[in-house]
C-alpha cells in the first residue's frame, strides 16, 4: 500500500498507513555481529537488529528507493539495477592530507575519507577512464 493511504480494519474502523520515523538510534550489538536500530515514530518505538553482512544491501536498497519516483511502468524493473547512477561526485582533501570522496545519489550526500595513496590511485583511475580511446594521427 502506498504511504499515507487509508484502509479499514475488518470491523470497519479506518486507519492510516505507517507513520514517518522521527528518530533513529543505532549501536553495535553486544556480540559485535550486527547493528541494533531503534526506530521511533510519533506513537511507537521499534527495535530491529541487522547482521553486518546485510548492511550493504540495506544501504543499496535505500539509495535505490530515494532515486525512485514511484512511477509504476513496464520499464521500472529495468531501472532498478545492481548499480546506482550518481548525480554528483566530488573529491577533496582534509586538513591532514587525507582524501575525501563525495557522492550524491537522489539528494542523499555521502562523504568518505580515504588515505592519500588511495586518493592518488582514484585520481589516476579517473584520468585513465576519461581519456579518449581514439588516437590522433
N, C-alpha and C. Protein backbone atom coordinates (compact mmCIF):
# COMPACT_ATOMS: atom_id res chain seq x y z
N UNK A 1 0.85 -1.17 0.00
CA UNK A 1 0.00 0.00 0.00
C UNK A 1 0.89 1.23 0.00
N UNK A 2 0.65 2.21 -0.88
CA UNK A 2 1.45 3.43 -0.89
C UNK A 2 1.33 4.16 0.44
N UNK A 3 2.41 4.85 0.82
CA UNK A 3 2.46 5.54 2.10
C UNK A 3 1.31 6.53 2.21
N UNK A 4 0.67 6.56 3.36
CA UNK A 4 -0.35 7.54 3.67
C UNK A 4 -1.75 7.17 3.22
N UNK A 5 -1.92 6.08 2.46
CA UNK A 5 -3.26 5.67 2.06
C UNK A 5 -4.01 5.19 3.28
N UNK A 6 -5.30 5.39 3.25
CA UNK A 6 -6.13 4.92 4.34
C UNK A 6 -6.76 3.59 3.96
N UNK A 7 -6.94 2.73 4.95
CA UNK A 7 -7.63 1.47 4.74
C UNK A 7 -8.44 1.17 5.99
N UNK A 8 -9.27 0.16 5.93
CA UNK A 8 -10.17 -0.13 7.04
C UNK A 8 -9.82 -1.46 7.68
N UNK A 9 -10.04 -1.53 8.99
CA UNK A 9 -9.97 -2.79 9.72
C UNK A 9 -11.14 -3.64 9.28
N UNK A 10 -11.11 -4.91 9.60
CA UNK A 10 -12.21 -5.81 9.28
C UNK A 10 -13.51 -5.33 9.92
N UNK A 11 -13.42 -4.65 11.08
CA UNK A 11 -14.64 -4.18 11.76
C UNK A 11 -15.10 -2.82 11.25
N UNK A 12 -14.45 -2.29 10.20
CA UNK A 12 -14.89 -1.04 9.59
C UNK A 12 -14.20 0.20 10.09
N UNK A 13 -13.38 0.08 11.18
CA UNK A 13 -12.66 1.27 11.66
C UNK A 13 -11.62 1.67 10.64
N UNK A 14 -11.47 2.98 10.42
CA UNK A 14 -10.49 3.47 9.45
C UNK A 14 -9.16 3.70 10.14
N UNK A 15 -8.08 3.36 9.42
CA UNK A 15 -6.74 3.64 9.95
C UNK A 15 -5.85 4.09 8.80
N UNK A 16 -4.83 4.82 9.11
CA UNK A 16 -3.93 5.33 8.07
C UNK A 16 -2.71 4.42 7.95
N UNK A 17 -1.89 4.69 6.95
CA UNK A 17 -0.67 3.92 6.73
C UNK A 17 0.34 4.17 7.82
N UNK A 18 1.54 3.64 7.66
CA UNK A 18 2.56 3.77 8.70
C UNK A 18 3.00 5.22 8.91
N UNK A 19 3.45 5.50 10.12
CA UNK A 19 3.94 6.84 10.46
C UNK A 19 5.38 7.00 10.01
N UNK A 20 5.78 8.22 9.71
CA UNK A 20 7.18 8.50 9.41
C UNK A 20 8.02 8.28 10.65
N UNK A 21 9.23 7.80 10.45
CA UNK A 21 10.19 7.67 11.53
C UNK A 21 10.67 9.07 11.88
N UNK A 22 10.65 9.39 13.17
CA UNK A 22 11.07 10.73 13.62
C UNK A 22 12.47 10.74 14.21
N UNK A 23 12.93 9.58 14.66
CA UNK A 23 14.27 9.49 15.27
C UNK A 23 14.80 8.08 15.07
N UNK A 24 16.09 7.95 14.80
CA UNK A 24 16.72 6.64 14.69
C UNK A 24 17.96 6.62 15.58
N UNK A 25 18.05 5.60 16.41
CA UNK A 25 19.21 5.39 17.26
C UNK A 25 19.85 4.07 16.83
N UNK A 26 21.15 3.99 16.87
CA UNK A 26 21.80 2.75 16.49
C UNK A 26 23.04 2.49 17.32
N UNK A 27 23.36 1.20 17.45
CA UNK A 27 24.58 0.79 18.13
C UNK A 27 24.94 -0.62 17.68
N UNK A 28 26.18 -0.98 17.91
CA UNK A 28 26.63 -2.33 17.60
C UNK A 28 26.03 -3.28 18.63
N UNK A 29 25.58 -4.45 18.17
CA UNK A 29 25.01 -5.43 19.10
C UNK A 29 26.08 -5.90 20.09
N UNK A 30 25.66 -6.44 21.21
CA UNK A 30 26.58 -6.86 22.27
C UNK A 30 27.63 -7.85 21.78
N UNK A 31 27.25 -8.73 20.85
CA UNK A 31 28.21 -9.72 20.35
C UNK A 31 29.06 -9.18 19.19
N UNK A 32 28.77 -7.95 18.76
CA UNK A 32 29.55 -7.32 17.69
C UNK A 32 29.22 -7.80 16.29
N UNK A 33 28.25 -8.69 16.16
CA UNK A 33 27.92 -9.28 14.85
C UNK A 33 26.90 -8.49 14.06
N UNK A 34 26.29 -7.48 14.67
CA UNK A 34 25.24 -6.76 13.96
C UNK A 34 25.08 -5.34 14.44
N UNK A 35 24.07 -4.72 13.92
CA UNK A 35 23.72 -3.34 14.26
C UNK A 35 22.30 -3.37 14.81
N UNK A 36 22.09 -2.78 15.96
CA UNK A 36 20.77 -2.68 16.56
C UNK A 36 20.24 -1.27 16.29
N UNK A 37 19.05 -1.18 15.73
CA UNK A 37 18.43 0.11 15.43
C UNK A 37 17.13 0.25 16.20
N UNK A 38 16.91 1.42 16.76
CA UNK A 38 15.62 1.76 17.36
C UNK A 38 15.00 2.82 16.47
N UNK A 39 13.82 2.51 15.95
CA UNK A 39 13.10 3.41 15.05
C UNK A 39 11.92 3.99 15.83
N UNK A 40 11.90 5.30 15.96
CA UNK A 40 10.86 5.95 16.74
C UNK A 40 9.93 6.72 15.82
N UNK A 41 8.62 6.55 16.02
CA UNK A 41 7.61 7.35 15.31
C UNK A 41 6.90 8.19 16.36
N UNK A 42 5.88 8.90 15.94
CA UNK A 42 5.10 9.68 16.92
C UNK A 42 4.53 8.78 18.01
N UNK A 43 4.18 7.54 17.62
CA UNK A 43 3.42 6.68 18.51
C UNK A 43 4.20 5.50 19.11
N UNK A 44 5.25 5.04 18.44
CA UNK A 44 5.89 3.81 18.88
C UNK A 44 7.40 3.87 18.74
N UNK A 45 8.05 2.91 19.39
CA UNK A 45 9.48 2.67 19.20
C UNK A 45 9.61 1.19 18.85
N UNK A 46 10.29 0.91 17.74
CA UNK A 46 10.53 -0.48 17.33
C UNK A 46 12.03 -0.70 17.30
N UNK A 47 12.44 -1.90 17.69
CA UNK A 47 13.87 -2.23 17.65
C UNK A 47 14.07 -3.38 16.69
N UNK A 48 15.06 -3.24 15.83
CA UNK A 48 15.43 -4.30 14.89
C UNK A 48 16.94 -4.46 14.94
N UNK A 49 17.40 -5.67 14.63
CA UNK A 49 18.83 -5.93 14.55
C UNK A 49 19.14 -6.44 13.15
N UNK A 50 20.21 -5.94 12.58
CA UNK A 50 20.65 -6.35 11.25
C UNK A 50 22.05 -6.93 11.35
N UNK A 51 22.27 -8.06 10.67
CA UNK A 51 23.61 -8.62 10.61
C UNK A 51 24.49 -7.66 9.81
N UNK A 52 25.75 -7.53 10.18
CA UNK A 52 26.64 -6.61 9.48
C UNK A 52 26.71 -6.92 7.99
N UNK A 53 26.60 -8.19 7.62
CA UNK A 53 26.64 -8.57 6.20
C UNK A 53 25.44 -8.05 5.43
N UNK A 54 24.35 -7.69 6.11
CA UNK A 54 23.15 -7.21 5.45
C UNK A 54 23.11 -5.69 5.29
N UNK A 55 24.04 -4.98 5.91
CA UNK A 55 24.01 -3.52 5.89
C UNK A 55 24.18 -2.98 4.47
N UNK A 56 25.12 -3.54 3.70
CA UNK A 56 25.34 -3.07 2.34
C UNK A 56 24.08 -3.18 1.49
N UNK A 57 23.38 -4.30 1.61
CA UNK A 57 22.14 -4.48 0.86
C UNK A 57 21.08 -3.47 1.26
N UNK A 58 20.99 -3.18 2.56
CA UNK A 58 20.01 -2.20 3.05
C UNK A 58 20.35 -0.81 2.52
N UNK A 59 21.61 -0.43 2.61
CA UNK A 59 22.03 0.90 2.12
C UNK A 59 21.76 1.00 0.62
N UNK A 60 22.09 -0.05 -0.14
CA UNK A 60 21.84 -0.05 -1.57
C UNK A 60 20.35 0.10 -1.86
N UNK A 61 19.52 -0.65 -1.13
CA UNK A 61 18.08 -0.56 -1.32
C UNK A 61 17.57 0.85 -1.02
N UNK A 62 18.02 1.44 0.09
CA UNK A 62 17.57 2.77 0.45
C UNK A 62 17.98 3.81 -0.59
N UNK A 63 19.23 3.72 -1.08
CA UNK A 63 19.68 4.67 -2.10
C UNK A 63 18.95 4.46 -3.43
N UNK A 64 18.61 3.22 -3.74
CA UNK A 64 17.82 2.94 -4.95
C UNK A 64 16.44 3.56 -4.81
N UNK A 65 15.82 3.38 -3.66
CA UNK A 65 14.47 3.89 -3.44
C UNK A 65 14.42 5.41 -3.38
N UNK A 66 15.47 6.05 -2.87
CA UNK A 66 15.46 7.51 -2.78
C UNK A 66 15.49 8.14 -4.18
N UNK A 67 16.02 7.41 -5.16
CA UNK A 67 16.04 7.89 -6.55
C UNK A 67 14.73 7.59 -7.28
N UNK A 68 13.97 6.62 -6.79
CA UNK A 68 12.77 6.13 -7.46
C UNK A 68 11.61 7.10 -7.22
N UNK A 69 10.94 7.51 -8.30
CA UNK A 69 9.81 8.41 -8.14
C UNK A 69 8.50 7.67 -7.90
N UNK A 70 8.55 6.33 -7.88
CA UNK A 70 7.36 5.53 -7.58
C UNK A 70 6.46 5.27 -8.76
N UNK A 71 6.82 5.79 -9.92
CA UNK A 71 6.01 5.58 -11.11
C UNK A 71 6.03 4.10 -11.47
N UNK A 72 4.87 3.52 -11.64
CA UNK A 72 4.77 2.11 -11.99
C UNK A 72 4.64 1.98 -13.51
N UNK A 73 5.72 1.54 -14.15
CA UNK A 73 5.72 1.35 -15.60
C UNK A 73 6.36 0.02 -15.92
N UNK A 74 6.25 -0.40 -17.19
CA UNK A 74 6.90 -1.64 -17.61
C UNK A 74 8.42 -1.51 -17.54
N UNK A 75 8.95 -0.30 -17.70
CA UNK A 75 10.40 -0.08 -17.66
C UNK A 75 10.96 -0.08 -16.25
N UNK A 76 10.12 0.05 -15.24
CA UNK A 76 10.60 0.19 -13.87
C UNK A 76 11.54 -0.93 -13.42
N UNK A 77 11.22 -2.21 -13.65
CA UNK A 77 12.17 -3.24 -13.21
C UNK A 77 13.55 -3.08 -13.85
N UNK A 78 13.61 -2.60 -15.08
CA UNK A 78 14.89 -2.40 -15.75
C UNK A 78 15.66 -1.25 -15.11
N UNK A 79 14.92 -0.27 -14.55
CA UNK A 79 15.57 0.88 -13.93
C UNK A 79 16.20 0.52 -12.59
N UNK A 80 15.69 -0.51 -11.93
CA UNK A 80 16.21 -0.91 -10.62
C UNK A 80 17.30 -1.94 -10.82
N UNK A 81 18.47 -1.47 -11.15
CA UNK A 81 19.60 -2.33 -11.48
C UNK A 81 20.45 -2.62 -10.26
N UNK A 82 21.59 -3.23 -10.53
CA UNK A 82 22.54 -3.52 -9.46
C UNK A 82 23.61 -2.45 -9.35
N UNK A 83 23.40 -1.32 -9.96
CA UNK A 83 24.32 -0.19 -9.79
C UNK A 83 23.48 1.07 -9.62
N UNK A 84 24.07 2.04 -8.99
CA UNK A 84 23.36 3.29 -8.72
C UNK A 84 24.00 4.42 -9.50
N UNK A 85 23.25 5.10 -10.35
CA UNK A 85 23.83 6.26 -11.02
C UNK A 85 23.99 7.41 -10.02
N UNK A 86 25.17 7.95 -9.94
CA UNK A 86 25.43 9.08 -9.05
C UNK A 86 25.00 10.36 -9.74
N UNK A 87 24.40 11.26 -8.98
CA UNK A 87 24.01 12.56 -9.51
C UNK A 87 25.17 13.54 -9.49
N UNK A 88 26.07 13.33 -8.54
CA UNK A 88 27.21 14.24 -8.38
C UNK A 88 28.33 13.50 -7.68
N UNK A 89 29.55 13.85 -8.02
CA UNK A 89 30.73 13.25 -7.43
C UNK A 89 31.74 14.36 -7.18
N UNK A 90 32.42 14.36 -6.05
CA UNK A 90 33.45 15.36 -5.79
C UNK A 90 34.59 14.73 -5.00
N UNK A 91 35.74 15.34 -5.15
CA UNK A 91 36.95 14.89 -4.46
C UNK A 91 37.54 16.09 -3.74
N UNK A 92 38.01 15.87 -2.53
CA UNK A 92 38.62 16.94 -1.76
C UNK A 92 39.72 16.39 -0.89
N UNK A 93 40.17 17.23 0.02
CA UNK A 93 41.28 16.86 0.89
C UNK A 93 41.02 17.41 2.28
N UNK A 94 41.33 16.61 3.30
CA UNK A 94 41.19 17.08 4.67
C UNK A 94 42.41 17.93 5.03
N UNK A 95 42.37 18.59 6.17
CA UNK A 95 43.49 19.42 6.63
C UNK A 95 44.75 18.60 6.87
N UNK A 96 44.58 17.30 7.21
CA UNK A 96 45.75 16.47 7.47
C UNK A 96 46.24 15.74 6.21
N UNK A 97 45.65 16.03 5.05
CA UNK A 97 46.14 15.46 3.80
C UNK A 97 45.42 14.22 3.32
N UNK A 98 44.51 13.68 4.12
CA UNK A 98 43.73 12.53 3.65
C UNK A 98 42.76 12.99 2.57
N UNK A 99 42.32 12.04 1.78
CA UNK A 99 41.40 12.36 0.71
C UNK A 99 39.95 12.28 1.15
N UNK A 100 39.11 12.98 0.42
CA UNK A 100 37.67 12.92 0.62
C UNK A 100 37.03 12.59 -0.72
N UNK A 101 36.10 11.67 -0.70
CA UNK A 101 35.34 11.31 -1.87
C UNK A 101 33.87 11.51 -1.53
N UNK A 102 33.21 12.36 -2.29
CA UNK A 102 31.79 12.63 -2.06
C UNK A 102 30.95 12.10 -3.20
N UNK A 103 29.80 11.57 -2.85
CA UNK A 103 28.85 11.04 -3.82
C UNK A 103 27.46 11.51 -3.42
N UNK A 104 26.70 11.99 -4.41
CA UNK A 104 25.31 12.35 -4.17
C UNK A 104 24.43 11.46 -5.04
N UNK A 105 23.45 10.83 -4.41
CA UNK A 105 22.51 9.96 -5.10
C UNK A 105 21.11 10.34 -4.64
N UNK A 106 20.30 10.83 -5.56
CA UNK A 106 18.93 11.18 -5.22
C UNK A 106 18.79 12.17 -4.10
N UNK A 107 19.70 13.12 -4.00
CA UNK A 107 19.65 14.13 -2.94
C UNK A 107 20.32 13.70 -1.65
N UNK A 108 20.75 12.45 -1.55
CA UNK A 108 21.47 11.96 -0.38
C UNK A 108 22.96 12.11 -0.63
N UNK A 109 23.63 12.87 0.23
CA UNK A 109 25.06 13.12 0.07
C UNK A 109 25.85 12.29 1.07
N UNK A 110 26.85 11.58 0.56
CA UNK A 110 27.73 10.77 1.39
C UNK A 110 29.17 11.21 1.13
N UNK A 111 29.95 11.37 2.18
CA UNK A 111 31.36 11.73 2.02
C UNK A 111 32.20 10.69 2.76
N UNK A 112 33.20 10.17 2.06
CA UNK A 112 34.07 9.13 2.59
C UNK A 112 35.48 9.68 2.67
N UNK A 113 36.19 9.34 3.75
CA UNK A 113 37.60 9.71 3.84
C UNK A 113 38.43 8.51 3.43
N UNK A 114 39.59 8.77 2.84
CA UNK A 114 40.48 7.70 2.42
C UNK A 114 41.91 8.20 2.48
N UNK A 115 42.85 7.27 2.72
CA UNK A 115 44.26 7.67 2.79
C UNK A 115 44.72 8.32 1.48
N UNK A 116 45.70 9.17 1.59
CA UNK A 116 46.23 9.92 0.44
C UNK A 116 46.59 9.00 -0.74
N UNK A 117 47.20 7.84 -0.45
CA UNK A 117 47.61 6.92 -1.52
C UNK A 117 46.40 6.44 -2.32
N UNK A 118 45.30 6.17 -1.64
CA UNK A 118 44.09 5.74 -2.34
C UNK A 118 43.50 6.87 -3.16
N UNK A 119 43.60 8.10 -2.66
CA UNK A 119 43.12 9.26 -3.42
C UNK A 119 43.92 9.40 -4.71
N UNK A 120 45.24 9.20 -4.62
CA UNK A 120 46.09 9.27 -5.82
C UNK A 120 45.71 8.19 -6.82
N UNK A 121 45.47 6.96 -6.35
CA UNK A 121 45.06 5.87 -7.25
C UNK A 121 43.71 6.16 -7.89
N UNK A 122 42.81 6.73 -7.11
CA UNK A 122 41.49 7.08 -7.64
C UNK A 122 41.62 8.16 -8.70
N UNK A 123 42.44 9.17 -8.45
CA UNK A 123 42.67 10.23 -9.44
C UNK A 123 43.25 9.68 -10.73
N UNK A 124 44.21 8.79 -10.61
CA UNK A 124 44.81 8.17 -11.79
C UNK A 124 43.77 7.36 -12.56
N UNK A 125 42.97 6.59 -11.84
CA UNK A 125 41.93 5.77 -12.49
C UNK A 125 40.91 6.66 -13.20
N UNK A 126 40.54 7.79 -12.59
CA UNK A 126 39.59 8.71 -13.23
C UNK A 126 40.18 9.32 -14.49
N UNK A 127 41.46 9.69 -14.44
CA UNK A 127 42.12 10.23 -15.64
C UNK A 127 42.15 9.20 -16.76
N UNK A 128 42.50 7.96 -16.44
CA UNK A 128 42.54 6.91 -17.45
C UNK A 128 41.15 6.64 -18.02
N UNK A 129 40.14 6.60 -17.16
CA UNK A 129 38.78 6.32 -17.63
C UNK A 129 38.23 7.43 -18.50
N UNK A 130 38.67 8.67 -18.25
CA UNK A 130 38.14 9.79 -19.02
C UNK A 130 38.93 10.07 -20.30
N UNK A 131 40.08 9.42 -20.48
CA UNK A 131 40.90 9.63 -21.68
C UNK A 131 40.17 9.06 -22.89
N UNK A 132 40.31 9.72 -23.99
CA UNK A 132 39.68 9.26 -25.24
C UNK A 132 40.33 7.97 -25.69
N UNK A 133 39.54 7.07 -26.25
CA UNK A 133 40.08 5.81 -26.76
C UNK A 133 40.50 5.93 -28.21
N UNK A 134 40.21 7.08 -28.85
CA UNK A 134 40.67 7.28 -30.22
C UNK A 134 41.99 8.02 -30.19
N UNK A 135 42.88 7.64 -31.09
CA UNK A 135 44.22 8.25 -31.11
C UNK A 135 44.32 9.26 -32.26
N UNK A 136 44.98 10.34 -31.97
CA UNK A 136 45.22 11.34 -33.01
C UNK A 136 46.27 10.79 -33.97
N UNK A 137 46.11 11.07 -35.27
CA UNK A 137 47.10 10.58 -36.25
C UNK A 137 47.95 11.69 -36.76
